[in-house]
N, C-alpha and C. Protein backbone atom coordinates (compact mmCIF):
# COMPACT_ATOMS: atom_id res chain seq x y z
N MET A 1 15.62 -27.94 -40.85
CA MET A 1 16.75 -27.90 -41.30
C MET A 1 17.84 -27.82 -39.87
N GLU A 2 16.97 -26.91 -39.43
CA GLU A 2 18.24 -27.07 -38.11
C GLU A 2 17.66 -27.49 -36.78
N VAL A 3 17.51 -28.44 -37.19
CA VAL A 3 16.83 -30.20 -36.67
C VAL A 3 17.77 -31.16 -36.85
N SER A 4 17.67 -30.93 -37.90
CA SER A 4 19.22 -32.31 -38.71
C SER A 4 19.86 -31.92 -38.41
N ILE A 5 20.31 -30.24 -38.28
CA ILE A 5 21.93 -30.14 -37.92
C ILE A 5 22.13 -29.90 -36.19
N GLU A 6 20.98 -30.11 -35.78
CA GLU A 6 21.74 -30.02 -33.72
C GLU A 6 21.12 -31.49 -33.99
N LYS A 7 20.39 -32.27 -34.33
CA LYS A 7 20.66 -33.90 -34.17
C LYS A 7 22.43 -34.52 -34.74
N LEU A 8 22.97 -33.73 -35.74
CA LEU A 8 24.36 -34.03 -35.91
C LEU A 8 24.82 -33.65 -35.74
N LEU A 9 24.85 -32.94 -34.02
CA LEU A 9 26.02 -31.98 -33.56
C LEU A 9 25.89 -33.33 -32.27
N ARG A 10 24.62 -34.07 -31.71
CA ARG A 10 24.46 -34.24 -30.34
C ARG A 10 25.00 -35.82 -31.55
N ASP A 11 24.80 -36.39 -32.48
CA ASP A 11 25.68 -37.78 -33.31
C ASP A 11 27.40 -37.26 -32.90
N ILE A 12 28.28 -36.49 -33.25
CA ILE A 12 29.78 -36.04 -33.24
C ILE A 12 29.52 -36.39 -31.77
N LYS A 13 28.58 -35.43 -30.51
CA LYS A 13 29.29 -36.18 -29.25
C LYS A 13 28.74 -37.27 -29.00
N VAL A 14 28.15 -37.82 -28.98
CA VAL A 14 28.15 -38.92 -29.06
C VAL A 14 29.39 -40.16 -29.86
N VAL A 15 30.02 -39.68 -31.41
CA VAL A 15 31.13 -40.12 -31.73
C VAL A 15 31.76 -40.29 -30.66
N ILE A 16 32.33 -38.38 -30.03
CA ILE A 16 32.85 -38.07 -29.23
C ILE A 16 33.84 -38.77 -27.88
N ARG A 17 32.56 -39.44 -27.50
CA ARG A 17 32.51 -39.82 -26.14
C ARG A 17 32.94 -41.17 -26.49
N ASP A 18 31.95 -42.30 -27.04
CA ASP A 18 32.39 -43.46 -27.08
C ASP A 18 33.79 -43.79 -27.58
N GLY A 19 34.05 -42.71 -28.33
CA GLY A 19 35.48 -43.09 -28.73
C GLY A 19 36.78 -42.22 -27.84
N GLU A 20 36.34 -41.23 -26.87
CA GLU A 20 37.66 -41.49 -25.96
C GLU A 20 37.05 -42.34 -24.83
N GLU A 21 36.06 -43.53 -24.83
CA GLU A 21 36.17 -44.42 -23.59
C GLU A 21 36.33 -45.73 -23.79
N LEU A 22 36.34 -45.53 -25.69
CA LEU A 22 37.36 -47.13 -26.39
C LEU A 22 38.83 -46.23 -26.14
N LEU A 23 39.06 -45.37 -26.78
CA LEU A 23 40.53 -44.84 -25.74
C LEU A 23 41.15 -45.09 -25.19
N ARG A 24 40.33 -45.22 -23.65
CA ARG A 24 40.79 -45.34 -22.11
C ARG A 24 40.67 -46.78 -22.59
N ALA A 25 39.81 -47.68 -23.12
CA ALA A 25 39.64 -48.87 -22.65
C ALA A 25 40.91 -49.20 -23.78
N GLY A 26 41.38 -49.38 -24.86
CA GLY A 26 42.36 -49.50 -25.88
C GLY A 26 43.41 -49.56 -24.94
N ALA A 27 43.32 -48.28 -24.06
CA ALA A 27 45.13 -48.00 -22.73
C ALA A 27 45.33 -49.43 -22.25
N ARG A 28 44.03 -49.54 -21.27
CA ARG A 28 43.97 -51.11 -20.25
C ARG A 28 44.86 -51.83 -21.53
N ASP A 29 44.33 -52.57 -22.71
CA ASP A 29 43.71 -54.28 -22.96
C ASP A 29 45.52 -54.05 -23.55
N LEU A 30 45.66 -53.03 -24.40
CA LEU A 30 46.39 -53.35 -25.45
C LEU A 30 47.94 -52.92 -25.26
N GLY A 31 47.84 -52.06 -23.88
CA GLY A 31 49.56 -52.09 -23.48
C GLY A 31 50.36 -51.66 -24.46
N GLU A 32 51.45 -51.63 -24.76
CA GLU A 32 52.86 -51.40 -25.60
C GLU A 32 52.53 -51.60 -26.50
N ARG A 33 51.90 -52.81 -27.89
CA ARG A 33 51.24 -53.08 -28.69
C ARG A 33 50.49 -51.90 -29.05
N GLY A 34 49.32 -51.17 -29.24
CA GLY A 34 48.11 -50.98 -29.67
C GLY A 34 48.39 -48.71 -29.41
N GLY A 35 50.05 -48.83 -29.93
CA GLY A 35 49.98 -47.43 -29.16
C GLY A 35 50.03 -46.35 -30.50
N ALA A 36 50.56 -47.50 -31.79
CA ALA A 36 50.70 -46.88 -32.35
C ALA A 36 48.76 -46.80 -32.61
N ALA A 37 47.98 -47.56 -32.69
CA ALA A 37 46.27 -47.40 -32.73
C ALA A 37 45.37 -46.24 -32.35
N ARG A 38 45.94 -46.17 -30.38
CA ARG A 38 45.80 -45.02 -29.96
C ARG A 38 45.95 -43.58 -30.48
N GLU A 39 46.89 -43.83 -31.00
CA GLU A 39 47.88 -42.27 -31.36
C GLU A 39 46.93 -41.89 -32.72
N ARG A 40 46.10 -43.15 -33.53
CA ARG A 40 45.52 -42.84 -34.63
C ARG A 40 43.91 -42.22 -33.83
N LEU A 41 43.81 -43.36 -32.85
CA LEU A 41 42.35 -42.34 -32.67
C LEU A 41 42.59 -41.73 -32.01
N ALA A 42 43.54 -40.89 -31.44
CA ALA A 42 43.23 -40.24 -30.82
C ALA A 42 43.04 -38.71 -31.98
N ALA A 43 43.83 -38.94 -32.91
CA ALA A 43 44.14 -37.72 -33.31
C ALA A 43 42.95 -38.08 -34.10
N ALA A 44 42.29 -38.71 -34.64
CA ALA A 44 41.10 -38.83 -35.14
C ALA A 44 39.56 -38.35 -34.32
N LEU A 45 39.79 -38.55 -32.94
CA LEU A 45 39.26 -37.20 -32.14
C LEU A 45 38.98 -36.42 -31.95
N GLU A 46 40.42 -35.74 -31.63
CA GLU A 46 40.62 -34.10 -32.56
C GLU A 46 39.94 -33.64 -32.73
N ILE A 47 40.07 -34.53 -34.91
CA ILE A 47 39.21 -33.83 -35.40
C ILE A 47 37.93 -33.95 -35.75
N ALA A 48 37.53 -34.86 -34.87
CA ALA A 48 36.31 -34.79 -34.20
C ALA A 48 35.82 -33.59 -33.53
N LYS A 49 36.38 -33.64 -33.19
CA LYS A 49 36.15 -32.23 -31.72
C LYS A 49 35.95 -30.84 -32.69
N ASP A 50 37.28 -30.89 -33.21
CA ASP A 50 37.86 -29.57 -34.34
C ASP A 50 36.24 -29.28 -34.98
N THR A 51 35.69 -30.48 -35.96
CA THR A 51 34.58 -30.56 -36.94
C THR A 51 33.32 -29.87 -35.74
N GLN A 52 33.22 -31.16 -34.52
CA GLN A 52 32.15 -30.51 -33.91
C GLN A 52 31.94 -28.77 -33.98
N ARG A 53 33.14 -28.95 -33.33
CA ARG A 53 33.28 -26.87 -32.71
C ARG A 53 33.15 -26.63 -33.96
N ARG A 54 33.41 -25.89 -35.34
CA ARG A 54 33.82 -24.98 -36.86
C ARG A 54 31.95 -25.37 -36.34
N LEU A 55 31.60 -26.26 -36.94
CA LEU A 55 30.02 -26.74 -37.09
C LEU A 55 28.89 -26.28 -36.20
N GLN A 56 29.48 -26.08 -34.55
CA GLN A 56 28.34 -25.45 -34.01
C GLN A 56 28.89 -23.72 -34.11
N ARG A 57 29.99 -23.28 -33.60
CA ARG A 57 30.09 -22.18 -34.97
C ARG A 57 29.21 -21.31 -36.19
N SER A 58 29.27 -22.12 -36.86
CA SER A 58 28.40 -22.26 -37.93
C SER A 58 26.97 -21.94 -38.42
N VAL A 59 26.54 -23.19 -37.24
CA VAL A 59 24.87 -22.83 -36.84
C VAL A 59 24.79 -21.69 -36.03
N MET A 60 25.59 -21.41 -35.32
CA MET A 60 25.38 -20.04 -34.32
C MET A 60 24.92 -18.92 -34.87
N ALA A 61 26.41 -18.81 -35.80
CA ALA A 61 26.21 -17.97 -37.16
C ALA A 61 25.06 -17.32 -37.49
N SER A 62 24.79 -18.99 -38.42
CA SER A 62 23.53 -18.27 -39.40
C SER A 62 21.93 -18.55 -38.79
N ALA A 63 21.92 -19.27 -37.80
CA ALA A 63 20.82 -18.36 -36.27
C ALA A 63 21.02 -17.45 -36.13
N ASN A 64 22.29 -17.09 -35.57
CA ASN A 64 22.19 -15.61 -35.32
C ASN A 64 21.62 -14.65 -36.15
N THR A 65 22.40 -14.92 -37.63
CA THR A 65 22.43 -14.09 -38.89
C THR A 65 20.56 -14.00 -39.28
N ALA A 66 19.88 -14.91 -39.29
CA ALA A 66 18.63 -15.47 -39.70
C ALA A 66 17.93 -14.38 -38.89
N ASP A 67 18.01 -14.31 -37.04
CA ASP A 67 16.89 -14.12 -36.62
C ASP A 67 17.51 -12.56 -36.85
N GLY A 68 18.40 -11.36 -36.73
CA GLY A 68 18.30 -10.52 -37.12
C GLY A 68 17.88 -10.56 -38.31
N LEU A 69 17.49 -10.76 -39.45
CA LEU A 69 16.84 -10.51 -40.51
C LEU A 69 15.73 -10.49 -40.30
N VAL A 70 15.22 -11.57 -39.29
CA VAL A 70 13.48 -11.52 -39.34
C VAL A 70 13.18 -10.53 -38.55
N ARG A 71 14.62 -9.98 -37.35
CA ARG A 71 14.10 -8.80 -36.38
C ARG A 71 13.89 -7.43 -36.81
N LYS A 72 14.35 -7.23 -37.57
CA LYS A 72 14.77 -6.48 -39.35
C LYS A 72 13.54 -6.38 -39.95
N ASN A 73 13.25 -7.18 -40.56
CA ASN A 73 11.68 -7.44 -41.83
C ASN A 73 10.61 -8.12 -41.15
N PRO A 74 10.52 -7.55 -40.18
CA PRO A 74 9.45 -8.81 -39.89
C PRO A 74 8.34 -9.22 -40.31
N TYR A 75 7.28 -8.12 -41.87
CA TYR A 75 6.40 -8.67 -42.14
C TYR A 75 7.43 -9.12 -43.67
N GLU A 76 8.79 -9.03 -43.74
CA GLU A 76 8.46 -9.32 -45.41
C GLU A 76 8.82 -10.85 -44.97
N SER A 77 9.51 -11.55 -43.46
CA SER A 77 9.88 -12.93 -43.65
C SER A 77 8.35 -13.10 -43.33
N LEU A 78 7.57 -12.68 -42.44
CA LEU A 78 6.01 -13.11 -42.23
C LEU A 78 5.43 -13.92 -44.03
N GLY A 79 5.38 -12.49 -44.47
CA GLY A 79 5.14 -12.81 -46.07
C GLY A 79 5.54 -13.86 -46.80
N ILE A 80 7.36 -13.88 -46.41
CA ILE A 80 7.76 -14.96 -46.92
C ILE A 80 7.28 -16.48 -47.16
N ALA A 81 7.66 -16.28 -45.56
CA ALA A 81 7.01 -17.57 -44.96
C ALA A 81 6.01 -17.50 -45.84
N PHE A 82 4.61 -17.37 -45.62
CA PHE A 82 3.14 -17.42 -46.05
C PHE A 82 3.30 -17.99 -47.73
N GLY A 83 4.20 -17.10 -48.85
CA GLY A 83 4.09 -17.90 -49.57
C GLY A 83 5.10 -18.92 -49.52
N LEU A 84 5.81 -19.36 -48.32
CA LEU A 84 6.32 -20.45 -49.23
C LEU A 84 5.46 -21.52 -48.55
N GLY A 85 4.92 -21.68 -47.41
CA GLY A 85 3.70 -21.96 -46.90
C GLY A 85 3.10 -22.14 -48.20
N ILE A 86 2.12 -22.12 -49.01
CA ILE A 86 0.98 -21.64 -50.03
C ILE A 86 1.38 -22.49 -51.34
N VAL A 87 3.42 -22.36 -51.31
CA VAL A 87 4.06 -22.98 -52.13
C VAL A 87 4.06 -24.84 -52.06
N LEU A 88 4.40 -25.10 -50.77
CA LEU A 88 4.06 -26.32 -50.80
C LEU A 88 2.72 -26.85 -50.26
N GLY A 89 2.46 -26.27 -50.40
CA GLY A 89 1.06 -27.07 -50.01
C GLY A 89 0.58 -27.60 -51.13
N VAL A 90 0.32 -26.59 -52.14
CA VAL A 90 -0.27 -27.08 -53.20
C VAL A 90 0.75 -28.16 -54.44
N LEU A 91 1.81 -28.54 -53.73
CA LEU A 91 2.27 -28.83 -54.24
C LEU A 91 2.14 -30.56 -53.79
N ALA A 92 2.05 -29.95 -51.87
CA ALA A 92 2.31 -31.72 -51.56
C ALA A 92 0.41 -32.22 -51.71
N LYS A 93 -0.44 -31.51 -52.37
CA LYS A 93 -1.53 -31.71 -52.18
C LYS A 93 -2.09 -32.41 -54.11
N GLY A 94 -0.50 -31.48 -54.36
CA GLY A 94 -0.67 -32.47 -55.89
C GLY A 94 0.10 -34.08 -55.45
N ARG A 95 0.34 -34.35 -54.89
CA ARG A 95 1.03 -35.52 -54.99
C ARG A 95 -0.26 -36.39 -54.53
């Protein structure tokens, strides 16, 4: 799950960067006629940046919480991880 969230954050950064490049290119190419389109794209980019910031804060908070729980209860965490490994192994072998 952590890997997919990190990939999502990287993808959002790429979309933001590409959108900014498109916005700069559009400003040169469209001149006065593309004002509304540029404004909509700029607004969409701000929303994407805000979403990326909120998601990153949420991921960091979750990671810090999980880290704190594992550090506070290392043996219980190890037991849970072992148990989940056994269950997943049994399920995978059954297929």
